[in-house]
């Protein structure tokens, strides 16, 4: 009976330790830094010991994200889209945060982008779940990201790393992806008040839908988009993916918005007669009605 009781106690302790490790591994982790593998090949394991199974194999100079030090001998890390444990003796000194580059996917429903690595700093933008972010550094457990031509910060446990060392070469790469997506709606019908393929589009509803499809939130009307979304850019600075705004008949108010696609052309939901079309920015109507551009990404 004593032997059975002893075995039972050992089993309970073992289960408790396993659960504690599982909870620790699955809990939200703020990034501590980035490092590189210093040996030709290194096993990433499911737990902080060589008795645990191998999740994947890493190779020399592979970049990893360190979530925490589980004990004095093992790092809990993220690499190749998964998490696991590696021995600290085979990892180089933490990289300078400014050298870290990656792409990540927003994991929260709506995530604030802040001006600094703290919740006490101002919100400069928001991204929705599954939006891809360009990560260009790490600071105090936050990822530094590019957003609307600015540098901002997102708490690291709200971004899942997808590609380490493969940050977008520039924000314009995402702008081109947005343009390519928008071109798929060429010829779609114009409907006043419409903001989806099912209902049709008006001008501001069209650009709002395009950006929302990339997890990027902008306001609903051309006027509020001009006043509140992104940052201003001049006509000479336009890049694919920027918004361009116009007024009719010399009026000061904003009456129309379009998506710049490059080569002095824009795609927009024009009117009920022609629907979504491509138009030159050099037409007399667009030159005379020009009010400005805004960069969202």
Protein backbone atom coordinates (compact mmCIF):
# COMPACT_ATOMS: atom_id res chain seq x y z
CA UNK A 1 0.00 0.00 0.00
CA UNK A 2 2.84 2.42 0.88
CA UNK A 3 4.55 1.61 -2.41
CA UNK A 4 1.32 2.29 -4.32
CA UNK A 5 0.83 5.56 -2.45
CA UNK A 6 4.39 6.60 -3.25
CA UNK A 7 3.89 5.85 -6.95
CA UNK A 8 0.65 7.83 -6.90
CA UNK A 9 2.36 10.84 -5.32
CA UNK A 10 5.17 10.69 -7.88
CA UNK A 11 2.63 10.51 -10.71
CA UNK A 12 0.73 13.53 -9.38
CA UNK A 13 3.96 15.55 -9.06
CA UNK A 14 5.01 14.57 -12.59
CA UNK A 15 1.64 15.62 -14.02
CA UNK A 16 1.78 18.93 -12.12
CA UNK A 17 5.26 19.71 -13.46
CA UNK A 18 4.19 18.85 -17.01
CA UNK A 19 1.12 21.09 -16.74
CA UNK A 20 3.19 23.93 -15.33
CA UNK A 21 5.63 23.65 -18.22
CA UNK A 22 2.79 23.56 -20.75
CA UNK A 23 1.18 26.63 -19.22
CA UNK A 24 4.52 28.44 -19.16
CA UNK A 25 5.22 27.57 -22.80
CA UNK A 26 1.76 28.58 -24.02
CA UNK A 27 1.47 31.81 -22.04
CA UNK A 28 2.02 35.09 -23.81
CA UNK A 29 5.71 35.88 -23.94
CA UNK A 30 7.36 39.23 -24.47
CA UNK A 31 10.44 38.98 -26.65
CA UNK A 32 13.75 39.37 -24.83
CA UNK A 33 15.88 39.63 -27.95
CA UNK A 34 17.26 37.95 -31.04
CA UNK A 35 20.32 35.75 -31.49
CA UNK A 36 22.00 33.43 -33.97
CA UNK A 37 22.93 29.76 -33.94
CA UNK A 38 26.69 29.29 -33.51
CA UNK A 39 27.09 25.57 -34.45
CA UNK A 40 26.59 23.74 -37.77
CA UNK A 41 23.36 22.11 -36.59
CA UNK A 42 21.22 22.51 -33.47
CA UNK A 43 18.10 20.66 -32.32
CA UNK A 44 15.12 22.67 -31.13
CA UNK A 45 13.35 20.55 -28.53
CA UNK A 46 9.85 20.49 -27.05
CA UNK A 47 11.22 20.98 -23.53
CA UNK A 48 14.35 22.27 -21.75
CA UNK A 49 16.26 18.99 -21.69
CA UNK A 50 17.86 16.59 -24.18
CA UNK A 51 15.28 13.92 -23.26
CA UNK A 52 12.52 15.93 -25.00
CA UNK A 53 11.57 15.31 -28.61
CA UNK A 54 13.08 17.37 -31.44
CA UNK A 55 10.70 19.93 -32.96
CA UNK A 56 13.00 20.94 -35.79
CA UNK A 57 16.66 21.45 -36.60
CA UNK A 58 18.34 24.84 -36.84
CA UNK A 59 21.57 25.62 -38.66
CA UNK A 60 24.56 27.90 -38.23
CA UNK A 61 23.72 31.63 -38.48
CA UNK A 62 19.96 30.99 -38.37
CA UNK A 63 18.29 33.88 -36.53
CA UNK A 64 16.03 33.05 -33.58
CA UNK A 65 13.75 35.11 -31.34
CA UNK A 66 14.35 34.55 -27.63
CA UNK A 67 11.16 34.56 -25.58
CA UNK A 68 12.78 33.82 -22.23
CA UNK A 69 15.45 31.80 -20.44
CA UNK A 70 13.63 28.80 -18.99
CA UNK A 71 16.59 28.08 -16.73
CA UNK A 72 20.30 28.78 -16.77
CA UNK A 73 20.96 26.38 -19.63
CA UNK A 74 18.02 26.66 -22.07
CA UNK A 75 16.32 29.41 -24.06
CA UNK A 76 12.62 29.28 -24.93
CA UNK A 77 12.62 30.54 -28.54
CA UNK A 78 10.65 31.14 -31.70
CA UNK A 79 12.09 30.07 -35.06
CA UNK A 80 10.77 28.69 -38.36
CA UNK A 81 7.21 29.50 -37.29
CA UNK A 82 7.31 27.32 -34.14
CA UNK A 83 8.42 27.59 -30.52
CA UNK A 84 10.73 25.33 -28.55
CA UNK A 85 13.90 25.11 -26.50
CA UNK A 86 17.59 25.29 -27.40
CA UNK A 87 20.71 25.06 -25.29
CA UNK A 88 22.20 28.46 -24.45
CA UNK A 89 25.74 27.22 -25.08
CA UNK A 90 25.10 26.98 -28.83
CA UNK A 91 23.63 30.48 -29.22
CA UNK A 92 25.61 33.66 -29.84
CA UNK A 93 25.26 36.83 -27.81
CA UNK A 94 21.99 38.66 -28.35
CA UNK A 95 21.97 40.68 -31.56
CA UNK A 96 21.74 44.42 -31.46
CA UNK A 97 18.02 45.12 -31.52
CA UNK A 98 18.42 47.52 -34.44
CA UNK A 99 19.70 44.68 -36.63
CA UNK A 100 16.61 42.49 -36.23
CA UNK A 101 14.36 42.23 -39.31
CA UNK A 102 11.29 40.07 -39.84
CA UNK A 103 7.72 39.88 -41.00
CA UNK A 104 4.94 39.15 -38.55
CA UNK A 105 1.19 38.57 -38.49
CA UNK A 106 -1.07 40.42 -36.05
CA UNK A 107 -2.63 37.91 -33.61
CA UNK A 108 -4.99 40.23 -31.72
CA UNK A 109 -8.38 41.29 -33.09
CA UNK A 110 -7.45 45.00 -33.15
CA UNK A 111 -3.91 45.94 -32.12
CA UNK A 112 -2.62 49.43 -31.32
CA UNK A 113 0.57 50.70 -32.91
CA UNK A 114 2.21 53.07 -30.46
CA UNK A 115 4.79 55.83 -30.74
CA UNK A 116 7.05 54.12 -28.18
CA UNK A 117 7.57 50.72 -26.52
CA UNK A 118 5.03 51.31 -23.75
CA UNK A 119 1.26 51.38 -23.29
CA UNK A 120 1.64 54.90 -21.90
CA UNK A 121 2.71 56.26 -25.31
CA UNK A 122 0.30 57.60 -27.92
CA UNK A 123 -1.49 55.41 -30.48
CA UNK A 124 -0.40 56.24 -34.04
CA UNK A 125 -2.40 53.54 -35.82
CA UNK A 126 -4.20 50.23 -35.56
CA UNK A 127 -4.03 46.92 -37.40
CA UNK A 128 -6.54 44.09 -37.48
CA UNK A 129 -6.01 40.38 -36.97
CA UNK A 130 -3.88 38.63 -39.65
CA UNK A 131 -2.47 41.88 -41.02
CA UNK A 132 1.19 41.51 -42.05
CA UNK A 133 3.63 43.88 -40.34
CA UNK A 134 7.18 44.80 -41.28
CA UNK A 135 9.39 44.43 -38.17
CA UNK A 136 12.62 46.42 -38.09
CA UNK A 137 13.80 46.09 -34.50
CA UNK A 138 13.15 45.05 -30.90
CA UNK A 139 12.91 47.29 -27.85
CA UNK A 140 11.99 46.33 -24.28
CA UNK A 141 9.82 43.40 -25.34
CA UNK A 142 8.15 45.32 -28.18
CA UNK A 143 8.63 44.96 -31.93
CA UNK A 144 9.52 48.15 -33.80
CA UNK A 145 7.45 48.25 -36.99
CA UNK A 146 6.95 50.45 -40.03
CA UNK A 147 3.48 51.94 -40.33
CA UNK A 148 2.23 54.65 -42.70
CA UNK A 149 5.75 55.89 -43.30
CA UNK A 150 6.48 56.08 -39.58
CA UNK A 151 8.23 53.90 -37.01
CA UNK A 152 5.92 52.52 -34.32
CA UNK A 153 5.83 49.78 -31.72
CA UNK A 154 3.64 46.71 -31.17
CA UNK A 155 3.83 44.50 -28.08
CA UNK A 156 5.69 41.39 -29.18
CA UNK A 157 3.13 38.90 -27.86
CA UNK A 158 0.58 40.39 -30.29
CA UNK A 159 2.61 39.52 -33.39
CA UNK A 160 3.39 36.00 -34.61
CA UNK A 161 6.69 35.94 -36.51
CA UNK A 162 6.30 34.49 -40.01
CA UNK A 163 9.69 35.15 -41.65
CA UNK A 164 12.82 36.13 -39.74
CA UNK A 165 15.37 38.14 -41.69
CA UNK A 166 12.84 38.84 -44.44
CA UNK A 167 11.38 42.23 -43.68
CA UNK A 168 9.85 44.06 -46.60
CA UNK A 169 12.53 45.98 -48.46
CA UNK A 170 10.30 49.02 -48.24
CA UNK A 171 6.75 49.96 -47.36
CA UNK A 172 6.19 50.36 -51.09
CA UNK A 173 6.28 46.57 -51.51
CA UNK A 174 3.09 46.30 -49.48
CA UNK A 175 1.65 49.23 -51.43
CA UNK A 176 2.20 47.29 -54.66
CA UNK A 177 0.44 44.26 -53.18
CA UNK A 178 -2.53 46.49 -52.35
CA UNK A 179 -2.56 47.86 -55.90
CA UNK A 180 -2.45 44.37 -57.42
CA UNK A 181 -5.41 43.35 -55.27
CA UNK A 182 -7.39 46.47 -56.21
CA UNK A 183 -6.85 45.85 -59.93
CA UNK A 184 -8.84 42.65 -59.53
CA UNK A 185 -11.98 44.81 -59.13
CA UNK A 186 -11.52 46.72 -62.39
CA UNK A 187 -14.95 47.05 -64.03
CA UNK A 188 -16.90 46.49 -60.80
CA UNK A 189 -20.13 48.44 -60.52
CA UNK A 190 -20.47 51.78 -58.79
CA UNK A 191 -23.18 52.09 -56.13
CA UNK A 192 -23.51 55.16 -53.93
CA UNK A 193 -22.93 54.08 -50.32
CA UNK A 194 -21.45 50.74 -51.40
CA UNK A 195 -18.36 49.34 -49.67
CA UNK A 196 -18.12 45.67 -50.71
CA UNK A 197 -18.04 43.51 -53.84
CA UNK A 198 -21.52 42.24 -52.95
CA UNK A 199 -23.11 45.69 -52.89
CA UNK A 200 -20.83 47.56 -55.29
CA UNK A 201 -18.57 50.49 -54.40
CA UNK A 202 -18.55 54.22 -54.13
CA UNK A 203 -15.16 55.95 -54.18
CA UNK A 204 -14.38 55.93 -50.45
CA UNK A 205 -16.05 52.57 -49.89
CA UNK A 206 -13.81 51.06 -52.56
CA UNK A 207 -10.52 52.18 -50.99
CA UNK A 208 -11.76 51.32 -47.50
CA UNK A 209 -12.59 47.77 -48.64
CA UNK A 210 -9.21 47.34 -50.34
CA UNK A 211 -7.25 48.34 -47.24
CA UNK A 212 -9.54 46.38 -44.91
CA UNK A 213 -8.72 43.27 -46.97
CA UNK A 214 -5.12 43.72 -45.80
CA UNK A 215 -6.14 44.20 -42.18
CA UNK A 216 -5.67 47.98 -42.38
CA UNK A 217 -8.42 50.17 -40.95
CA UNK A 218 -9.24 53.55 -42.50
CA UNK A 219 -12.29 55.77 -42.09
CA UNK A 220 -15.35 55.63 -44.33
CA UNK A 221 -15.68 58.92 -46.21
CA UNK A 222 -13.30 60.70 -48.55
CA UNK A 223 -13.28 63.76 -46.27
CA UNK A 224 -12.39 61.84 -43.11
CA UNK A 225 -9.80 59.78 -44.99
CA UNK A 226 -8.16 63.01 -46.17
CA UNK A 227 -8.28 64.58 -42.70
CA UNK A 228 -7.43 61.60 -40.50
CA UNK A 229 -5.84 58.62 -42.26
CA UNK A 230 -2.14 58.12 -42.99
CA UNK A 231 0.31 60.95 -43.55
CA UNK A 232 0.31 63.66 -46.26
CA UNK A 233 2.44 63.22 -49.39
CA UNK A 234 2.92 65.58 -52.32
CA UNK A 235 2.04 64.75 -55.90
CA UNK A 236 5.76 64.28 -56.68
CA UNK A 237 6.18 61.80 -53.78
CA UNK A 238 3.32 59.44 -54.71
CA UNK A 239 3.96 55.70 -54.51
CA UNK A 240 1.69 52.76 -55.45
CA UNK A 241 -0.84 52.28 -52.67
CA UNK A 242 -1.18 55.96 -51.73
CA UNK A 243 -4.60 57.60 -51.66
CA UNK A 244 -5.22 60.64 -53.87
CA UNK A 245 -7.97 63.21 -53.26
CA UNK A 246 -9.87 65.67 -55.44
CA UNK A 247 -12.55 68.34 -55.37
CA UNK A 248 -15.11 69.17 -58.04
CA UNK A 249 -15.44 72.49 -59.86
CA UNK A 250 -12.78 74.23 -57.79
CA UNK A 251 -14.57 73.61 -54.48
CA UNK A 252 -12.42 73.38 -51.34
CA UNK A 253 -14.14 70.30 -49.90
CA UNK A 254 -13.06 66.74 -50.74
CA UNK A 255 -15.41 65.11 -53.23
CA UNK A 256 -13.47 62.09 -54.53
CA UNK A 257 -10.74 59.62 -53.53
CA UNK A 258 -8.77 57.09 -55.58
CA UNK A 259 -5.89 54.65 -55.17
CA UNK A 260 -2.64 55.59 -56.89
CA UNK A 261 -1.24 52.67 -58.93
CA UNK A 262 1.90 54.26 -60.41
CA UNK A 263 2.82 55.88 -63.75
CA UNK A 264 0.52 58.85 -63.02
CA UNK A 265 -2.55 56.57 -62.96
CA UNK A 266 -5.17 55.77 -60.34
CA UNK A 267 -7.89 53.16 -59.89
CA UNK A 268 -11.19 54.33 -58.45
CA UNK A 269 -14.94 53.81 -58.27
CA UNK A 270 -15.82 56.64 -60.63
CA UNK A 271 -19.57 56.76 -61.29
CA UNK A 272 -22.59 54.60 -62.09
CA UNK A 273 -21.87 54.77 -65.83
CA UNK A 274 -18.33 53.33 -65.84
CA UNK A 275 -17.85 51.75 -62.38
CA UNK A 276 -14.31 50.99 -61.19
CA UNK A 277 -11.85 52.32 -63.78
CA UNK A 278 -8.26 53.45 -64.26
CA UNK A 279 -7.77 57.17 -64.94
CA UNK A 280 -4.75 59.39 -65.57
CA UNK A 281 -3.82 61.93 -62.92
CA UNK A 282 -2.77 64.20 -65.78
CA UNK A 283 -6.28 64.72 -67.13
CA UNK A 284 -7.46 68.35 -66.85
CA UNK A 285 -10.19 67.36 -64.37
CA UNK A 286 -7.70 65.67 -62.02
CA UNK A 287 -5.07 68.41 -62.32
CA UNK A 288 -7.59 71.16 -61.60
CA UNK A 289 -9.29 69.22 -58.80
CA UNK A 290 -6.12 67.96 -57.06
CA UNK A 291 -6.25 68.35 -53.28
CA UNK A 292 -3.49 66.06 -52.02
CA UNK A 293 -2.23 62.56 -51.29
CA UNK A 294 -2.09 60.43 -48.16
CA UNK A 295 0.19 57.48 -47.42
CA UNK A 296 -1.49 54.70 -45.46
CA UNK A 297 1.27 52.05 -45.65
